[in-house]
Protein backbone atom coordinates (compact mmCIF):
# COMPACT_ATOMS: atom_id res chain seq x y z
CA MET A 1 -15.41 15.51 0.80
CA TYR A 2 -11.77 16.50 0.65
CA LEU A 3 -10.10 18.02 -2.39
CA PHE A 4 -6.43 17.53 -3.13
CA SER A 5 -4.10 19.93 -4.87
CA HIS A 6 -2.29 18.97 -8.04
CA ASP A 7 0.93 20.40 -6.56
CA ASP A 8 0.62 17.96 -3.64
CA LEU A 9 0.09 15.08 -6.08
CA LYS A 10 2.94 16.23 -8.35
CA LYS A 11 5.41 16.48 -5.45
CA ALA A 12 4.47 12.99 -4.17
CA VAL A 13 5.01 11.50 -7.66
CA GLU A 14 8.39 13.27 -7.98
CA VAL A 15 9.56 11.82 -4.66
CA LEU A 16 8.42 8.31 -5.66
CA ARG A 17 10.26 8.60 -9.00
CA GLN A 18 13.44 9.58 -7.15
CA GLY A 19 13.22 6.46 -4.99
CA GLY A 20 11.96 8.39 -1.96
CA VAL A 21 9.46 7.52 0.75
CA ILE A 22 6.18 9.36 1.25
CA LEU A 23 3.64 9.55 4.07
CA TYR A 24 0.18 9.53 2.52
CA PRO A 25 -3.51 8.81 3.16
CA THR A 26 -4.93 5.60 1.71
CA ASP A 27 -8.39 4.05 1.58
CA THR A 28 -7.62 2.67 5.05
CA VAL A 29 -5.00 4.17 7.38
CA TRP A 30 -2.17 6.63 6.66
CA GLY A 31 0.68 4.78 5.03
CA LEU A 32 4.37 4.83 4.32
CA GLY A 33 4.80 4.43 0.59
CA CYS A 34 7.44 3.98 -2.06
CA ASP A 35 7.96 2.52 -5.51
CA ALA A 36 7.04 -1.16 -5.14
CA THR A 37 9.52 -2.07 -7.89
CA ASN A 38 12.53 -0.37 -6.23
CA PRO A 39 14.35 -2.63 -3.71
CA GLU A 40 16.33 0.27 -2.17
CA ALA A 41 13.16 2.29 -1.54
CA VAL A 42 11.47 -0.79 -0.03
CA LYS A 43 14.52 -1.30 2.20
CA ARG A 44 14.16 2.28 3.47
CA VAL A 45 10.52 1.67 4.43
CA PHE A 46 11.54 -1.44 6.39
CA GLY A 47 14.17 0.70 8.13
CA ILE A 48 11.70 3.48 9.01
CA LYS A 49 9.28 0.92 10.46
CA GLN A 50 12.15 -0.89 12.22
CA ARG A 51 10.64 -4.05 10.77
CA GLU A 52 12.37 -7.25 9.76
CA ASP A 53 12.35 -7.59 6.02
CA ILE A 54 11.00 -11.13 6.28
CA LYS A 55 7.63 -9.59 7.20
CA SER A 56 5.99 -8.55 3.96
CA MET A 57 4.24 -5.28 3.14
CA LEU A 58 1.33 -4.81 0.79
CA VAL A 59 1.11 -3.07 -2.56
CA LEU A 60 -1.56 -0.69 -3.85
CA ILE A 61 -2.66 -0.59 -7.47
CA GLU A 62 -5.10 1.82 -9.10
CA ASN A 63 -7.35 -0.75 -10.78
CA GLN A 64 -7.71 -4.51 -11.16
CA ASN A 65 -6.30 -4.38 -14.72
CA MET A 66 -2.85 -3.91 -13.15
CA LEU A 67 -3.06 -7.29 -11.36
CA ASN A 68 -1.81 -9.37 -14.27
CA SER A 69 1.39 -7.30 -14.37
CA TYR A 70 2.32 -8.31 -10.80
CA VAL A 71 0.78 -11.77 -10.28
CA ARG A 72 1.61 -14.80 -12.46
CA GLU A 73 -1.88 -16.29 -12.33
CA VAL A 74 -4.85 -14.45 -10.81
CA PRO A 75 -7.42 -16.98 -9.52
CA GLU A 76 -10.89 -16.41 -11.00
CA VAL A 77 -12.38 -15.90 -7.53
CA ALA A 78 -10.15 -12.82 -7.04
CA TRP A 79 -12.00 -10.88 -9.74
CA GLN A 80 -15.32 -11.72 -8.08
CA LEU A 81 -14.08 -10.72 -4.61
CA ILE A 82 -12.79 -7.37 -5.89
CA GLU A 83 -16.11 -6.68 -7.63
CA VAL A 84 -18.36 -7.44 -4.65
CA THR A 85 -16.33 -6.05 -1.74
CA ASP A 86 -17.77 -2.96 -0.13
CA LYS A 87 -14.74 -2.23 2.06
CA PRO A 88 -10.98 -2.20 1.46
CA LEU A 89 -9.75 -5.72 0.73
CA THR A 90 -6.15 -6.84 0.49
CA ILE A 91 -5.69 -10.17 -1.29
CA ILE A 92 -2.50 -12.19 -0.90
CA TYR A 93 -1.63 -13.81 -4.22
CA SER A 94 0.88 -16.56 -4.99
CA GLY A 95 3.35 -16.03 -7.80
CA ALA A 96 4.30 -12.38 -7.38
CA LYS A 97 6.30 -10.89 -10.27
CA ASN A 98 7.80 -7.59 -11.44
CA LEU A 99 8.07 -6.24 -7.88
CA ALA A 100 11.07 -5.53 -5.67
CA SER A 101 12.39 -8.91 -4.48
CA ASN A 102 12.44 -7.74 -0.83
CA LEU A 103 8.71 -7.02 -1.07
CA ILE A 104 7.82 -10.59 -2.01
CA ALA A 105 7.30 -13.07 0.85
CA THR A 106 9.53 -16.16 1.09
CA ASP A 107 6.69 -18.29 -0.33
CA GLY A 108 6.55 -16.06 -3.43
CA SER A 109 3.33 -14.30 -2.41
CA VAL A 110 2.41 -10.63 -2.15
CA GLY A 111 -0.56 -8.73 -0.75
CA ILE A 112 -2.22 -6.39 -3.26
CA ARG A 113 -5.16 -4.02 -2.82
CA VAL A 114 -7.02 -2.07 -5.48
CA THR A 115 -7.35 1.35 -3.89
CA THR A 116 -10.66 3.20 -3.84
CA GLU A 117 -9.19 6.43 -2.46
CA LYS A 118 -9.14 9.22 -5.09
CA PHE A 119 -5.74 10.74 -4.20
CA THR A 120 -4.03 7.34 -4.12
CA GLU A 121 -5.71 6.33 -7.40
CA GLN A 122 -4.37 9.48 -9.08
CA LEU A 123 -0.96 9.01 -7.47
CA ILE A 124 -0.58 5.48 -8.87
CA GLN A 125 -2.03 6.49 -12.24
CA ARG A 126 0.53 9.30 -12.64
CA PHE A 127 3.40 7.27 -11.22
CA ARG A 128 2.49 4.32 -13.49
CA ARG A 129 3.69 1.74 -10.97
CA PRO A 130 2.32 0.12 -7.84
CA ILE A 131 3.25 1.66 -4.52
CA VAL A 132 4.00 0.10 -1.17
CA SER A 133 1.47 0.72 1.56
CA THR A 134 2.24 -0.10 5.16
CA SER A 135 0.85 1.57 8.26
CA ALA A 136 2.72 4.70 9.37
CA ASN A 137 4.09 3.37 12.65
CA ILE A 138 7.08 1.59 14.13
CA SER A 139 6.54 -2.17 13.86
CA GLY A 140 4.70 -3.48 16.92
CA GLU A 141 3.27 -0.10 17.94
CA PRO A 142 -0.44 0.73 17.54
CA THR A 143 -1.58 1.68 14.03
CA PRO A 144 -2.42 5.41 13.85
CA GLN A 145 -6.07 5.92 12.91
CA ASN A 146 -5.58 9.44 11.55
CA PHE A 147 -2.76 11.87 10.74
CA ASP A 148 -2.60 13.38 14.24
CA GLU A 149 -1.77 9.97 15.74
CA ILE A 150 1.35 9.50 13.58
CA SER A 151 4.56 9.97 15.58
CA GLU A 152 6.81 12.94 14.85
CA GLY A 153 9.67 10.46 14.31
CA ILE A 154 7.81 8.80 11.44
CA LYS A 155 6.89 12.19 9.92
CA ALA A 156 10.53 13.32 10.08
CA SER A 157 11.87 10.11 8.51
CA VAL A 158 10.09 10.41 5.14
CA ASP A 159 10.97 12.53 2.10
CA TYR A 160 7.51 14.00 1.64
CA VAL A 161 4.36 14.28 3.77
CA VAL A 162 1.22 14.58 1.66
CA GLN A 163 -0.92 17.58 2.68
CA TYR A 164 -4.23 16.06 1.59
CA ARG A 165 -6.53 14.87 4.42
CA GLN A 166 -4.18 15.80 7.27
CA ASP A 167 -7.11 17.43 9.07
CA ASP A 168 -9.42 14.44 8.60
CA GLN A 169 -10.18 13.26 12.14
CA SER A 170 -12.23 10.19 11.23
CA LYS A 171 -10.93 6.93 12.64
CA SER A 172 -9.62 4.63 9.93
CA LYS A 173 -9.27 0.87 10.04
CA PRO A 174 -6.90 -1.50 8.25
CA SER A 175 -8.22 -3.55 5.34
CA SER A 176 -9.55 -7.08 5.45
CA ILE A 177 -6.93 -9.58 4.29
CA LEU A 178 -7.58 -12.81 2.42
CA LYS A 179 -5.02 -15.27 1.06
CA LEU A 180 -5.91 -17.02 -2.18
CA GLY A 181 -4.46 -20.31 -3.29
CA VAL A 182 -3.80 -20.90 -6.98
CA SER A 183 -6.85 -23.20 -7.07
CA GLY A 184 -9.00 -20.47 -5.53
CA GLU A 185 -9.06 -21.68 -1.91
CA ILE A 186 -9.59 -18.75 0.48
CA GLN A 187 -7.93 -18.25 3.85
CA ILE A 188 -9.09 -15.32 6.02
CA ILE A 189 -6.06 -13.58 7.55
CA ARG A 190 -7.86 -10.49 8.93
CA PRO A 191 -11.67 -10.23 8.70
C-alpha cells in the first residue's frame, strides 16, 4: 500500500487550477492530466501527445454522483455497470456537457471513468472538477505500464510530476471501454 503526501496532492491541484498539465498515477496507467473544463489545457495535452484533436481523451471523476454534471442523460444501465464492475471501466456517453469543447468527440460523446485510485480520488475532490486522463506517451507509441517506462520527453513536457507511486513497478493495464447508447445499448470498444 502506498501513501501519498498532502504536499504532493496540493501541488498537483495548484497546477491544475493554473491550467497546467500534470503527470500522475491513475487506477490504470500513468496519465497526462489537466482541467477537463479548460480548452487551452486540453489543447496542451493534445500537443504533448502529438495527437490529432479529433481523437478524444477520457475524463476521470471521483464518484458517480458527478456524472449528471457532465452527461445530459445517463442511461440506467450505466449505474448498474459502475456498481458491478470489478476493474476500471470507462463508459462513453452521448450528450457530453460542461466540458472543454475540444474534449468532446464530434458525435457529442465523451468517455468518463469513476476512479478507484485514492490519490486521484482526492485530487478530483480537492480540485472540484473532472480531470483529463490519457496515457503518458506520444500517440501511437506503446502505453507505459509503470513510471519507469514513461519517456523523459513526456516527463519534461508537463508542469508537475506527481511523486506518489513512482517506484511502483507493477504492470498496469488500460481500462475496459464500453459505449452506451441513449436507449442503453452497449458496444464493447475494449474488453
